Each structure stands twice: as C-alpha cells, then as structure tokens.
Protein backbone atom coordinates (compact mmCIF):
# COMPACT_ATOMS: atom_id res chain seq x y z
CA UNK A 1 262.24 -51.40 -181.92
CA UNK A 2 258.71 -48.24 -182.41
CA UNK A 3 257.47 -50.00 -179.73
CA UNK A 4 259.99 -50.50 -177.34
CA UNK A 5 260.75 -47.43 -177.07
CA UNK A 6 256.35 -45.86 -176.62
CA UNK A 7 256.86 -47.94 -173.86
CA UNK A 8 260.43 -46.75 -172.55
CA UNK A 9 258.55 -42.89 -172.63
CA UNK A 10 255.51 -43.68 -171.56
CA UNK A 11 257.23 -45.14 -168.76
CA UNK A 12 259.91 -41.96 -168.43
CA UNK A 13 256.86 -39.19 -169.13
CA UNK A 14 254.82 -41.71 -165.61
CA UNK A 15 258.39 -40.85 -163.49
CA UNK A 16 258.28 -37.20 -163.91
CA UNK A 17 254.47 -37.23 -163.16
CA UNK A 18 254.60 -39.29 -160.00
CA UNK A 19 258.29 -37.47 -158.63
CA UNK A 20 255.86 -33.92 -159.50
CA UNK A 21 253.29 -35.47 -157.09
CA UNK A 22 255.85 -36.47 -154.86
CA UNK A 23 257.60 -32.70 -153.89
CA UNK A 24 253.88 -30.81 -154.37
CA UNK A 25 251.77 -31.47 -152.23
CA UNK A 26 248.07 -32.10 -153.16
CA UNK A 27 245.70 -31.76 -150.11
CA UNK A 28 242.14 -32.16 -150.70
CA UNK A 29 239.73 -29.45 -149.59
CA UNK A 30 238.26 -28.59 -147.26
CA UNK A 31 240.27 -30.46 -143.92
CA UNK A 32 239.68 -30.19 -139.75
CA UNK A 33 241.91 -29.92 -137.83
CA UNK A 34 241.63 -30.54 -134.76
CA UNK A 35 243.53 -28.57 -131.44
CA UNK A 36 244.50 -31.75 -128.96
CA UNK A 37 245.12 -29.45 -125.29
CA UNK A 38 246.20 -32.32 -123.67
CA UNK A 39 249.27 -33.41 -126.30
CA UNK A 40 250.49 -31.03 -127.70
CA UNK A 41 249.02 -31.76 -131.24
CA UNK A 42 247.09 -30.16 -134.03
CA UNK A 43 244.82 -33.53 -135.63
CA UNK A 44 243.85 -32.91 -139.44
CA UNK A 45 240.61 -34.46 -140.70
CA UNK A 46 240.27 -35.67 -144.68
CA UNK A 47 236.60 -34.29 -143.52
CA UNK A 48 235.65 -36.78 -147.58
CA UNK A 49 237.54 -40.02 -146.23
CA UNK A 50 236.96 -38.92 -142.35
CA UNK A 51 240.21 -40.05 -140.89
CA UNK A 52 242.86 -38.52 -139.65
CA UNK A 53 246.00 -37.59 -142.49
CA UNK A 54 247.99 -35.93 -140.45
CA UNK A 55 249.52 -34.49 -136.68
CA UNK A 56 251.49 -32.28 -135.74
CA UNK A 57 252.80 -30.91 -132.55
CA UNK A 58 251.68 -27.25 -131.99
CA UNK A 59 252.90 -25.62 -128.60
CA UNK A 60 252.53 -27.57 -125.49
CA UNK A 61 248.90 -26.71 -124.14
CA UNK A 62 246.87 -25.53 -128.08
CA UNK A 63 243.55 -24.68 -128.04
CA UNK A 64 241.86 -21.92 -129.56
CA UNK A 65 242.58 -21.50 -133.62
CA UNK A 66 241.39 -19.60 -137.15
CA UNK A 67 242.19 -19.73 -140.27
CA UNK A 68 242.11 -17.10 -142.59
CA UNK A 69 239.51 -17.24 -145.09
CA UNK A 70 242.32 -18.50 -148.24
CA UNK A 71 242.89 -21.50 -146.25
CA UNK A 72 247.21 -20.49 -145.83
CA UNK A 73 247.64 -19.50 -142.69
CA UNK A 74 245.99 -20.97 -139.45
CA UNK A 75 246.57 -19.50 -135.88
CA UNK A 76 246.69 -21.13 -132.69
CA UNK A 77 246.62 -19.77 -129.00
CA UNK A 78 249.58 -21.72 -126.44
CA UNK A 79 248.37 -21.30 -123.47
CA UNK A 80 251.24 -22.46 -120.63
CA UNK A 81 253.69 -20.51 -123.71
CA UNK A 82 251.22 -17.22 -123.66
CA UNK A 83 251.32 -17.20 -126.99
CA UNK A 84 249.76 -17.08 -130.01
CA UNK A 85 251.24 -20.20 -133.22
CA UNK A 86 251.18 -19.26 -136.74
CA UNK A 87 251.15 -22.25 -138.89
CA UNK A 88 251.39 -22.83 -142.68
CA UNK A 89 248.79 -25.36 -143.66
CA UNK A 90 250.71 -26.68 -146.58
CA UNK A 91 253.85 -27.02 -144.92
CA UNK A 92 251.74 -28.16 -142.07
CA UNK A 93 254.58 -26.66 -140.17
CA UNK A 94 255.05 -23.91 -137.66
CA UNK A 95 256.33 -20.43 -139.46
CA UNK A 96 255.86 -18.13 -135.76
CA UNK A 97 255.35 -17.15 -132.44
CA UNK A 98 253.80 -13.81 -131.21
CA UNK A 99 254.01 -13.25 -127.78
CA UNK A 100 250.54 -12.52 -126.12
CA UNK A 101 249.08 -11.61 -122.57
CA UNK A 102 248.04 -14.19 -120.08
CA UNK A 103 246.59 -17.63 -120.50
CA UNK A 104 245.10 -16.95 -124.19
CA UNK A 105 242.51 -19.13 -125.17
CA UNK A 106 239.82 -18.43 -127.67
CA UNK A 107 240.84 -16.49 -130.97
CA UNK A 108 238.72 -15.05 -133.61
CA UNK A 109 239.00 -13.48 -136.85
CA UNK A 110 237.48 -10.92 -138.60
CA UNK A 111 236.56 -11.84 -142.15
CA UNK A 112 238.56 -10.34 -143.93
CA UNK A 113 241.45 -11.56 -142.33
CA UNK A 114 243.18 -8.85 -141.39
CA UNK A 115 242.41 -9.07 -137.95
CA UNK A 116 243.54 -12.17 -135.10
CA UNK A 117 241.95 -11.20 -132.03
CA UNK A 118 242.73 -14.29 -128.77
CA UNK A 119 240.95 -13.98 -125.70
CA UNK A 120 243.99 -13.21 -122.81
CA UNK A 121 241.69 -15.43 -120.01
CA UNK A 122 244.44 -14.29 -116.83
CA UNK A 123 244.92 -10.23 -118.16
CA UNK A 124 240.99 -9.07 -119.39
CA UNK A 125 242.01 -8.24 -122.76
CA UNK A 126 241.53 -9.41 -126.42
CA UNK A 127 245.15 -8.91 -128.21
CA UNK A 128 244.35 -7.79 -132.12
CA UNK A 129 247.49 -9.67 -134.03
CA UNK A 130 247.61 -7.77 -137.96
CA UNK A 131 247.75 -10.76 -139.61
CA UNK A 132 250.09 -8.89 -142.49
CA UNK A 133 253.06 -8.77 -139.60
CA UNK A 134 251.52 -11.75 -137.16
CA UNK A 135 252.06 -9.40 -134.65
CA UNK A 136 250.16 -8.05 -131.66
CA UNK A 137 248.58 -4.49 -132.91
CA UNK A 138 246.98 -3.63 -130.08
CA UNK A 139 244.88 -4.67 -127.20
CA UNK A 140 241.42 -3.52 -125.77
CA UNK A 141 240.34 -4.37 -122.23
CA UNK A 142 237.53 -5.47 -120.89
CA UNK A 143 234.92 -4.38 -118.28
CA UNK A 144 234.08 -8.38 -118.49
CA UNK A 145 236.19 -11.27 -115.76
CA UNK A 146 237.96 -14.12 -117.59
CA UNK A 147 237.50 -13.51 -121.47
CA UNK A 148 237.38 -17.00 -123.22
CA UNK A 149 236.03 -16.45 -126.65
CA UNK A 150 235.55 -14.05 -129.14
CA UNK A 151 234.09 -13.86 -132.09
CA UNK A 152 232.90 -10.92 -134.79
CA UNK A 153 230.15 -9.77 -136.41
CA UNK A 154 228.90 -11.01 -139.60
CA UNK A 155 229.81 -6.98 -140.53
CA UNK A 156 232.77 -6.86 -138.97
CA UNK A 157 231.72 -3.50 -136.96
CA UNK A 158 231.42 -5.26 -133.52
CA UNK A 159 233.41 -7.91 -131.45
CA UNK A 160 231.58 -10.37 -129.01
CA UNK A 161 233.16 -11.77 -126.44
CA UNK A 162 231.65 -13.69 -123.02
CA UNK A 163 233.39 -13.54 -119.65
CA UNK A 164 233.98 -17.15 -118.38
CA UNK A 165 233.74 -16.37 -114.55
CA UNK A 166 230.92 -13.75 -114.67
CA UNK A 167 227.43 -14.19 -116.24
CA UNK A 168 228.39 -10.94 -119.03
CA UNK A 169 228.77 -10.66 -123.13
CA UNK A 170 231.20 -7.17 -123.51
CA UNK A 171 230.70 -5.60 -126.81
CA UNK A 172 233.59 -4.13 -127.93
CA UNK A 173 233.35 -1.39 -130.94
CA UNK A 174 236.23 -2.66 -133.58
CA UNK A 175 236.36 1.04 -134.60
CA UNK A 176 236.65 2.62 -131.32
CA UNK A 177 238.90 -0.80 -130.00
CA UNK A 178 236.68 -0.10 -126.50
CA UNK A 179 234.39 -2.44 -125.51
CA UNK A 180 231.11 0.26 -124.88
CA UNK A 181 228.69 -2.44 -123.53
CA UNK A 182 228.48 -4.87 -120.49
CA UNK A 183 225.53 -7.50 -121.45
CA UNK A 184 224.16 -9.60 -119.23
CA UNK A 185 223.09 -12.53 -120.37
CA UNK A 186 223.33 -16.15 -117.44
CA UNK A 187 226.02 -18.05 -115.92
CA UNK A 188 229.36 -18.68 -117.44
CA UNK A 189 228.36 -17.62 -121.18
CA UNK A 190 231.18 -20.09 -123.96
CA UNK A 191 230.45 -20.25 -127.14
CA UNK A 192 229.85 -17.43 -129.68
CA UNK A 193 227.69 -17.76 -132.97
CA UNK A 194 226.01 -15.19 -135.53
CA UNK A 195 223.81 -15.71 -137.83
CA UNK A 196 224.81 -15.19 -141.03
CA UNK A 197 222.64 -11.99 -141.75
CA UNK A 198 223.58 -10.15 -138.77
CA UNK A 199 220.71 -10.05 -137.02
CA UNK A 200 220.94 -12.31 -134.45
CA UNK A 201 224.00 -13.85 -131.30
CA UNK A 202 223.79 -16.78 -129.68
CA UNK A 203 225.64 -17.31 -127.05
CA UNK A 204 225.57 -20.52 -125.13
CA UNK A 205 225.96 -19.58 -120.98
CA UNK A 206 227.26 -22.72 -119.13
CA UNK A 207 226.33 -22.95 -115.97
CA UNK A 208 222.95 -21.79 -116.59
CA UNK A 209 221.86 -25.02 -119.15
CA UNK A 210 220.91 -22.70 -121.53
CA UNK A 211 220.94 -20.24 -124.74
CA UNK A 212 220.46 -16.62 -124.51
CA UNK A 213 219.62 -14.82 -127.51
CA UNK A 214 220.50 -11.25 -128.96
CA UNK A 215 219.25 -8.89 -131.00
CA UNK A 216 222.72 -7.68 -132.61
CA UNK A 217 221.15 -4.12 -133.43
CA UNK A 218 220.62 -3.02 -129.72
CA UNK A 219 222.89 -5.37 -128.06
CA UNK A 220 220.38 -6.90 -125.94
CA UNK A 221 218.56 -10.79 -124.39
CA UNK A 222 215.88 -10.53 -126.43
CA UNK A 223 215.22 -14.04 -125.49
CA UNK A 224 216.55 -17.41 -123.80
CA UNK A 225 216.10 -21.51 -124.83
CA UNK A 226 216.48 -24.26 -122.58
CA UNK A 227 219.39 -26.40 -123.68
CA UNK A 228 221.22 -30.07 -122.50
CA UNK A 229 223.15 -29.36 -119.17
CA UNK A 230 226.31 -27.79 -119.54
CA UNK A 231 226.02 -25.92 -123.17
CA UNK A 232 229.85 -24.15 -124.04
CA UNK A 233 230.38 -24.98 -127.59
CA UNK A 234 227.87 -22.91 -130.46
CA UNK A 235 228.14 -22.88 -134.33
CA UNK A 236 225.91 -21.72 -136.71
CA UNK A 237 224.49 -23.15 -140.10
CA UNK A 238 225.85 -21.22 -143.11
CA UNK A 239 222.49 -20.97 -144.72
CA UNK A 240 221.46 -19.84 -140.94
CA UNK A 241 219.13 -22.27 -140.62
CA UNK A 242 220.26 -23.79 -137.57
CA UNK A 243 221.92 -22.96 -134.38
CA UNK A 244 224.26 -25.88 -133.05
CA UNK A 245 225.60 -26.16 -129.24
CA UNK A 246 227.43 -28.53 -127.51
CA UNK A 247 226.51 -30.01 -123.95
CA UNK A 248 229.54 -30.80 -122.26
CA UNK A 249 227.66 -32.36 -119.47
CA UNK A 250 225.39 -34.91 -121.03
CA UNK A 251 227.58 -35.42 -124.51
CA UNK A 252 224.78 -34.35 -126.78
CA UNK A 253 224.30 -31.28 -129.32
CA UNK A 254 221.26 -29.15 -129.12
CA UNK A 255 219.72 -28.63 -132.57
CA UNK A 256 218.60 -25.05 -132.50
CA UNK A 257 215.92 -24.25 -135.74
CA UNK A 258 216.78 -20.57 -135.72
CA UNK A 259 213.06 -19.37 -136.97
CA UNK A 260 211.03 -20.94 -134.00
CA UNK A 261 214.19 -21.04 -131.66
CA UNK A 262 213.03 -24.25 -130.61
CA UNK A 263 215.13 -27.54 -129.96
CA UNK A 264 214.31 -29.86 -132.99
CA UNK A 265 216.58 -32.50 -132.54
CA UNK A 266 219.49 -33.93 -129.35
CA UNK A 267 222.32 -35.42 -131.43
CA UNK A 268 224.26 -37.83 -129.13
CA UNK A 269 228.31 -37.94 -129.29
CA UNK A 270 230.72 -38.34 -126.69
CA UNK A 271 232.17 -36.89 -123.85
CA UNK A 272 231.97 -33.66 -123.24
CA UNK A 273 231.60 -32.13 -125.95
CA UNK A 274 232.88 -28.22 -127.24
CA UNK A 275 234.15 -26.20 -129.58
CA UNK A 276 232.42 -27.08 -132.91
CA UNK A 277 232.56 -25.95 -136.82
CA UNK A 278 230.89 -26.96 -140.12
CA UNK A 279 231.90 -27.51 -143.32
CA UNK A 280 231.42 -24.88 -145.71
CA UNK A 281 229.16 -26.99 -147.33
CA UNK A 282 227.36 -27.64 -144.14
CA UNK A 283 225.81 -30.79 -144.55
CA UNK A 284 229.01 -31.64 -141.40
CA UNK A 285 229.53 -31.20 -138.24
CA UNK A 286 232.94 -31.83 -136.46
CA UNK A 287 231.98 -32.54 -132.77
CA UNK A 288 235.43 -32.55 -130.78
CA UNK A 289 235.15 -35.37 -127.36
CA UNK A 290 237.65 -34.00 -125.05
CA UNK A 291 237.05 -37.00 -123.00
CA UNK A 292 236.53 -38.90 -125.36
CA UNK A 293 239.96 -38.34 -127.07
CA UNK A 294 237.57 -38.40 -130.22
CA UNK A 295 235.54 -35.70 -132.97
CA UNK A 296 232.32 -36.75 -134.06
CA UNK A 297 230.55 -36.23 -137.29
CA UNK A 298 227.49 -35.29 -137.73
CA UNK A 299 224.88 -36.13 -140.71
CA UNK A 300 223.69 -31.67 -140.37
CA UNK A 301 220.72 -33.13 -143.37
CA UNK A 302 219.77 -36.43 -140.64
CA UNK A 303 220.86 -34.55 -137.62
CA UNK A 304 222.27 -37.85 -136.96
CA UNK A 305 226.09 -38.82 -135.61
CA UNK A 306 228.07 -40.68 -138.43
CA UNK A 307 231.65 -41.31 -137.73
CA UNK A 308 233.60 -41.35 -134.59
CA UNK A 309 237.28 -40.20 -135.41
CA UNK A 310 239.71 -40.64 -132.68
CA UNK A 311 242.30 -37.89 -132.07
CA UNK A 312 244.80 -36.40 -129.88
CA UNK A 313 243.98 -36.15 -126.87
CA UNK A 314 242.03 -33.83 -124.81
CA UNK A 315 240.67 -32.17 -128.00
CA UNK A 316 239.30 -28.58 -127.48
CA UNK A 317 238.19 -27.87 -131.09
CA UNK A 318 237.80 -28.21 -134.69
CA UNK A 319 238.26 -25.65 -136.66
CA UNK A 320 237.34 -25.91 -140.74
CA UNK A 321 238.97 -24.48 -144.83
C-alpha cells in the first residue's frame, strides 16, 4: 500500500510539472528573428539548434526590425501599411500598430531602449517612437534623399542615416532633433555599423562596392575598403575585432579586420544576402539570403558557413536577442 501511494504521489507531481510547462512559455535564448517581406512573416530561429521553431504573421511586408534591451518587445516596419508593428516576443503576437509616414524601412533602437527610430523612405524623414507608449513622438527631416537605415552611435548622441538614392549619410544630433551634417560617402549607401568604442563608423556603399570608414568625432570619411559586388549589410562583432559586410551581387560575406581595415576572409552564403545579426557572444553570424529564402549561419571563429536554415519568402533582415 505504501509503495502504491508513493507511486501515485510521484505521478501527481509529474502531472503538475507538465501542466506548468504547458502553460508557461520557457523559451531558450537567444533567438534569431528573420523578417520575411515576401511572405509577411517572422521566422523564429533557435540559435542553439539552428532550426526554425515558430513562424507568425506580421503585416504584409515586414522589413526592418529592432528588439528592446530586455528582449520583451520587437518593432517591425510594415511598408505597405506605413506602420510600425509592435510584437510581444514572449507571447509571439502583435500587440500594437503605430502609424508612420510613407514607406518605412530600416528600424533602429537607442541603447537605453527609450527610442525606436524608423527611416521613412518616401517622406525623407526619420520617426522617433517612444517605447513607453509605442507612439511617434516626433520626426526629423533628412537632408539626404530616400533614407533607408538609421542607427544610433554607442553613446546615443548621434543617429546616422543612409540616403539610399544619393551618396550621403545624414548625421542627426539626437538632443537637438536635427540633421546637422550631410557626409559624402559612396554610391547608394545602405548598412551602418559602429565600433563598440564609438571611434569609427562603417557604411556599406552598394553601387561603389566599398565600405566607407568614418571618424565619429569629425563625421568625415577617413578610408574606403574595397569589398564584394553590391555591398549592403554591415554587422560589427561585439568585441569590435571584425566587421562583416554582405555582398548582394556575389552571395558572399566579407570579413574585415578592424585593426588593419583589410578584408581577411570571404564567406560564400546564399543569394542576395543583406541585413545580418550576430549572437551576443559573437560566435555565430546569421545572414538572410533574400533570393534563397534562407538564413546562412556563419561560425565567426572559423569564418565559415556551417548551416543554411530555410525561412519565409524573401528574408530582409535578422535580429537577435
């Protein structure tokens, strides 16, 4: 009888534990989120398994994205609806939609998590959205034409915005809420990446096939680095030792050593790679391949692609937390 009661109690405990797991999401971290503009979805990749563990619908053409520092909320631009979609990442569902100006694309977030910025291409402006309310607080007009990417400097003082239809980068004084300088870089500037120490900025110039290196103190180009064909995306290693550039025309990623500013490796990936993301520990780089409907996983120690993960149609970017 005693053994029978002990067995029943053990089974009851297992039942309670199973029920708790069933009702309480227990997501491992980090996850990589691929915005798939062709299918109107976000694919969730478990970076431990390098497999898609979920897909959910987000607008009609999700593009740029940013995740709050606490990992709870993700903001995604929905270009056809001129909107910013707000996602609860624990529930994996849309909780709000913010109206924006015409044709929003690149999304950035301040390091303190207070501001989300969205580049509005056809409005030549950048929207500043308050993360406390999910509402637009103000807009800053750009001097350049067709802004695509907008990224904060590490100290939060500056916002760099690439003008896709020109050859320039707008430098926005965040406190003054104004573009204070238009810097000539190269043809069709796209992705932006800052070194962690805030000393330099790397801008991929797609139609010049090079990366412009800017001094953050002077906001001037100090060097250009030849890379692959149609360079577009930029991601900086968390330690600042490497800069990664996607080459959309070649289907490769160029690896730049930040000390020498030389390309030290070229990694083949899928077709039309662009807006990448790297894990917080810097060990894996996730590269969306827009024309392969996949995400390539690169081992950053070996500088080799180790897996290609199928996602939705036409992935635009990957965002990790």
